[in-house]
């Protein structure tokens, strides 16, 4: 019987090493950020939930602590389950959402605006929920000047990520696949997708662009994103959204 051709030794070693690597994907929890409910009196701010969700998903994804469900998938689930505007779900609905998106944890909450003296305030509150038990693990909040929307959103993202990091320490340290990206300190997100500053009004326009995209109104979405980038040229998340619509 003729001998089988042998693989080069270096290639064989590489294949064996790859087969021996545990799956990093199985070690990280999957997290879904649901739309926050609006509790204020200005109906125009209702749509802000879409921009807030997209930015939280982007920031939490950059931390690298968990896998994040994409907002487009979230939009499909909301339409499928006819969830409407509610931000409060019973345990059965929490379990159903988690099952449909394959999430271990949900991030949900509320936001509202109020006048305090001469300052327009924005208050965001988030809850981290374990899908399996429908238990609220932590309640978090961020509040401040509405003109500092980005700072409030980033604080909330950082606090949520700390909760997720704490949950990760309860299990063995997940192994990480080889990466060509330079390592960054734990808990430090990549800064590339964030503008230097973002007001609630610009975030609201960004949210309207996402809403138009969800309604298949591509031209309106492009127009709104164009204005957003005129106001904040370094808002890379909006830039990437626009680039996808231009294809």
Protein backbone atom coordinates (compact mmCIF):
# COMPACT_ATOMS: atom_id res chain seq x y z
CA UNK A 1 0.00 0.00 0.00
CA UNK A 2 1.54 3.35 -1.01
CA UNK A 3 2.37 5.76 1.80
CA UNK A 4 0.11 8.77 2.23
CA UNK A 5 1.74 12.11 1.42
CA UNK A 6 2.89 13.81 4.60
CA UNK A 7 2.09 17.40 5.52
CA UNK A 8 4.99 19.76 6.13
CA UNK A 9 5.88 19.60 9.81
CA UNK A 10 5.18 23.30 10.48
CA UNK A 11 1.74 23.09 8.85
CA UNK A 12 0.89 19.95 10.80
CA UNK A 13 1.85 21.60 14.08
CA UNK A 14 -0.27 24.63 13.25
CA UNK A 15 -3.32 22.49 12.48
CA UNK A 16 -2.92 20.56 15.72
CA UNK A 17 -2.60 23.81 17.69
CA UNK A 18 -5.76 25.21 16.13
CA UNK A 19 -7.70 22.04 16.90
CA UNK A 20 -6.54 22.22 20.52
CA UNK A 21 -7.75 25.79 21.02
CA UNK A 22 -10.94 26.02 23.11
CA UNK A 23 -13.74 28.09 21.67
CA UNK A 24 -13.60 31.66 22.96
CA UNK A 25 -17.07 32.28 21.58
CA UNK A 26 -18.50 29.74 24.00
CA UNK A 27 -16.88 31.45 27.00
CA UNK A 28 -18.25 34.94 26.56
CA UNK A 29 -21.87 35.59 27.52
CA UNK A 30 -24.25 36.98 24.94
CA UNK A 31 -25.96 40.25 25.89
CA UNK A 32 -28.92 42.00 24.29
CA UNK A 33 -29.53 45.71 24.84
CA UNK A 34 -33.27 46.38 24.63
CA UNK A 35 -34.79 49.74 23.81
CA UNK A 36 -35.14 51.90 26.90
CA UNK A 37 -38.55 53.31 27.73
CA UNK A 38 -39.07 57.07 27.68
CA UNK A 39 -40.70 58.48 30.81
CA UNK A 40 -40.76 62.19 29.99
CA UNK A 41 -43.35 64.53 28.51
CA UNK A 42 -41.75 65.32 25.17
CA UNK A 43 -42.92 62.74 22.58
CA UNK A 44 -40.15 63.83 20.21
CA UNK A 45 -37.61 62.18 22.52
CA UNK A 46 -39.25 58.76 22.23
CA UNK A 47 -37.14 57.82 19.21
CA UNK A 48 -33.93 58.58 21.15
CA UNK A 49 -34.12 54.99 22.43
CA UNK A 50 -32.78 53.74 19.08
CA UNK A 51 -29.64 55.84 19.08
CA UNK A 52 -29.04 55.09 22.76
CA UNK A 53 -29.34 51.34 22.14
CA UNK A 54 -27.03 51.47 19.11
CA UNK A 55 -24.38 53.41 21.00
CA UNK A 56 -24.55 51.15 24.06
CA UNK A 57 -24.26 48.07 21.83
CA UNK A 58 -21.23 49.58 20.10
CA UNK A 59 -19.52 50.59 23.35
CA UNK A 60 -20.18 47.29 25.12
CA UNK A 61 -18.97 45.39 22.08
CA UNK A 62 -15.73 47.41 22.09
CA UNK A 63 -15.06 46.45 25.71
CA UNK A 64 -14.84 42.84 24.57
CA UNK A 65 -16.43 41.40 27.73
CA UNK A 66 -19.46 39.91 25.98
CA UNK A 67 -21.00 39.19 22.61
CA UNK A 68 -23.66 41.79 21.73
CA UNK A 69 -26.85 41.15 19.79
CA UNK A 70 -27.10 43.55 16.85
CA UNK A 71 -29.77 46.25 16.99
CA UNK A 72 -31.25 45.12 13.68
CA UNK A 73 -31.96 41.73 15.24
CA UNK A 74 -33.50 43.45 18.24
CA UNK A 75 -35.78 45.43 15.92
CA UNK A 76 -36.96 42.16 14.32
CA UNK A 77 -37.79 40.69 17.73
CA UNK A 78 -39.73 43.78 18.80
CA UNK A 79 -41.82 43.60 15.64
CA UNK A 80 -42.28 39.84 15.94
CA UNK A 81 -43.44 39.94 19.55
CA UNK A 82 -45.36 43.22 19.14
CA UNK A 83 -43.72 44.61 22.25
CA UNK A 84 -44.59 48.22 21.51
CA UNK A 85 -43.02 50.92 23.68
CA UNK A 86 -42.89 49.05 26.98
CA UNK A 87 -39.62 48.75 28.87
CA UNK A 88 -41.09 46.50 31.58
CA UNK A 89 -41.53 42.83 30.74
CA UNK A 90 -42.80 39.89 32.75
CA UNK A 91 -40.48 36.88 33.33
CA UNK A 92 -42.06 34.94 30.46
CA UNK A 93 -41.35 37.76 27.98
CA UNK A 94 -37.78 38.14 29.27
CA UNK A 95 -37.24 34.41 28.76
CA UNK A 96 -38.77 34.56 25.29
CA UNK A 97 -36.58 37.47 24.17
CA UNK A 98 -33.49 35.76 25.55
CA UNK A 99 -34.38 32.54 23.75
CA UNK A 100 -34.99 34.24 20.41
CA UNK A 101 -31.68 36.12 20.43
CA UNK A 102 -29.65 33.56 22.35
CA UNK A 103 -28.84 36.03 25.14
CA UNK A 104 -27.71 35.18 28.67
CA UNK A 105 -28.32 38.72 29.92
CA UNK A 106 -30.53 41.64 28.94
CA UNK A 107 -29.82 45.33 29.47
CA UNK A 108 -32.98 47.40 29.64
CA UNK A 109 -34.12 50.57 31.34
CA UNK A 110 -35.69 54.01 31.08
CA UNK A 111 -34.71 57.61 30.45
CA UNK A 112 -36.41 60.96 30.91
CA UNK A 113 -35.64 64.65 30.71
CA UNK A 114 -36.39 67.39 33.19
CA UNK A 115 -35.65 71.05 33.82
CA UNK A 116 -33.50 71.85 36.84
CA UNK A 117 -33.04 75.58 37.13
CA UNK A 118 -31.62 76.71 33.81
CA UNK A 119 -30.21 73.26 32.99
CA UNK A 120 -31.89 70.68 30.81
CA UNK A 121 -31.20 67.40 32.60
CA UNK A 122 -31.22 63.89 31.16
CA UNK A 123 -31.51 60.85 33.43
CA UNK A 124 -30.83 57.29 32.24
CA UNK A 125 -31.48 54.19 34.32
CA UNK A 126 -30.43 50.66 33.30
CA UNK A 127 -31.08 47.18 34.67
CA UNK A 128 -28.94 44.11 33.99
CA UNK A 129 -31.19 41.04 33.94
CA UNK A 130 -30.27 37.36 33.93
CA UNK A 131 -32.46 35.70 31.31
CA UNK A 132 -32.56 32.24 32.92
CA UNK A 133 -34.07 33.50 36.18
CA UNK A 134 -35.49 36.87 35.02
CA UNK A 135 -33.61 38.34 38.00
CA UNK A 136 -32.45 41.96 38.10
CA UNK A 137 -28.75 41.67 38.95
CA UNK A 138 -27.95 45.38 39.11
CA UNK A 139 -29.67 48.72 38.66
CA UNK A 140 -27.53 51.59 37.37
CA UNK A 141 -28.05 55.21 36.44
CA UNK A 142 -26.42 58.22 34.85
CA UNK A 143 -27.65 61.78 35.04
CA UNK A 144 -26.41 65.14 33.90
CA UNK A 145 -26.67 67.98 31.41
CA UNK A 146 -28.55 66.95 28.27
CA UNK A 147 -25.85 68.66 26.20
CA UNK A 148 -23.42 66.00 27.45
CA UNK A 149 -25.32 63.01 26.06
CA UNK A 150 -22.15 61.15 25.13
CA UNK A 151 -20.69 61.38 28.64
CA UNK A 152 -23.91 60.02 30.15
CA UNK A 153 -24.13 57.16 27.64
CA UNK A 154 -20.47 56.25 28.14
CA UNK A 155 -20.84 56.25 31.94
CA UNK A 156 -23.79 53.90 31.64
CA UNK A 157 -21.88 51.63 29.24
CA UNK A 158 -18.86 51.53 31.57
CA UNK A 159 -21.02 50.70 34.59
CA UNK A 160 -22.86 47.95 32.72
CA UNK A 161 -19.55 46.53 31.54
CA UNK A 162 -18.26 46.41 35.13
CA UNK A 163 -21.29 44.29 36.03
CA UNK A 164 -20.60 41.96 33.10
CA UNK A 165 -16.93 41.73 34.11
CA UNK A 166 -18.00 40.76 37.62
CA UNK A 167 -20.19 38.01 36.22
CA UNK A 168 -17.30 36.77 34.09
CA UNK A 169 -15.03 36.39 37.14
CA UNK A 170 -17.39 33.78 38.54
CA UNK A 171 -16.29 31.38 35.82
CA UNK A 172 -12.81 30.38 34.58
CA UNK A 173 -10.99 33.03 32.59
CA UNK A 174 -12.04 32.61 28.94
CA UNK A 175 -9.29 31.83 26.48
CA UNK A 176 -8.83 34.36 23.71
CA UNK A 177 -8.18 33.62 20.04
CA UNK A 178 -5.10 34.99 18.30
CA UNK A 179 -5.56 38.58 17.21
CA UNK A 180 -3.62 40.99 15.07
CA UNK A 181 -4.98 43.94 17.09
CA UNK A 182 -2.74 45.43 19.79
CA UNK A 183 -3.91 44.47 23.29
CA UNK A 184 -5.72 47.07 25.38
CA UNK A 185 -6.18 47.28 29.10
CA UNK A 186 -9.24 45.46 30.49
CA UNK A 187 -12.27 47.70 30.65
CA UNK A 188 -10.88 50.11 28.07
CA UNK A 189 -13.07 50.49 24.95
CA UNK A 190 -11.73 51.35 21.53
CA UNK A 191 -12.29 55.12 21.05
CA UNK A 192 -12.65 55.06 17.26
CA UNK A 193 -16.44 55.13 17.04
CA UNK A 194 -17.10 58.03 19.37
CA UNK A 195 -17.16 61.76 18.69
CA UNK A 196 -15.51 64.13 21.12
CA UNK A 197 -18.89 65.45 22.17
CA UNK A 198 -22.51 64.67 21.41
CA UNK A 199 -25.57 66.63 22.50
CA UNK A 200 -28.99 65.10 22.97
CA UNK A 201 -30.22 66.97 19.89
CA UNK A 202 -27.54 65.40 17.66
CA UNK A 203 -28.17 62.00 19.24
CA UNK A 204 -31.86 62.54 18.54
CA UNK A 205 -31.16 63.23 14.87
CA UNK A 206 -29.03 60.09 14.73
CA UNK A 207 -31.92 58.17 16.28
CA UNK A 208 -34.31 59.51 13.66
CA UNK A 209 -31.92 58.27 10.97
CA UNK A 210 -31.99 54.77 12.48
CA UNK A 211 -35.77 54.90 12.71
CA UNK A 212 -36.01 55.89 9.05
CA UNK A 213 -33.72 52.99 8.17
CA UNK A 214 -35.97 50.61 10.12
CA UNK A 215 -38.95 51.92 8.14
CA UNK A 216 -37.03 51.30 4.87
CA UNK A 217 -36.95 55.06 4.21
CA UNK A 218 -33.36 54.98 3.02
CA UNK A 219 -33.28 58.51 1.57
CA UNK A 220 -34.42 60.11 4.82
CA UNK A 221 -31.92 58.00 6.76
CA UNK A 222 -29.09 59.16 4.47
CA UNK A 223 -30.15 62.79 4.80
CA UNK A 224 -30.32 62.66 8.60
CA UNK A 225 -26.97 60.88 8.87
CA UNK A 226 -25.43 63.47 6.58
CA UNK A 227 -26.54 66.28 8.89
CA UNK A 228 -25.31 64.34 11.93
CA UNK A 229 -21.86 64.08 10.35
CA UNK A 230 -21.88 67.78 9.51
CA UNK A 231 -22.46 68.46 13.22
CA UNK A 232 -20.02 65.80 14.44
CA UNK A 233 -17.61 64.75 11.64
CA UNK A 234 -15.75 62.30 13.92
CA UNK A 235 -18.90 60.33 14.86
CA UNK A 236 -17.63 57.13 13.22
CA UNK A 237 -20.64 55.04 14.21
CA UNK A 238 -22.87 57.34 12.14
CA UNK A 239 -20.28 57.34 9.36
CA UNK A 240 -20.34 53.54 9.19
CA UNK A 241 -24.15 53.52 9.16
CA UNK A 242 -24.14 55.95 6.24
CA UNK A 243 -21.51 53.93 4.37
CA UNK A 244 -23.69 50.81 4.65
CA UNK A 245 -26.69 52.67 3.28
CA UNK A 246 -24.66 53.99 0.34
CA UNK A 247 -23.81 50.49 -0.90
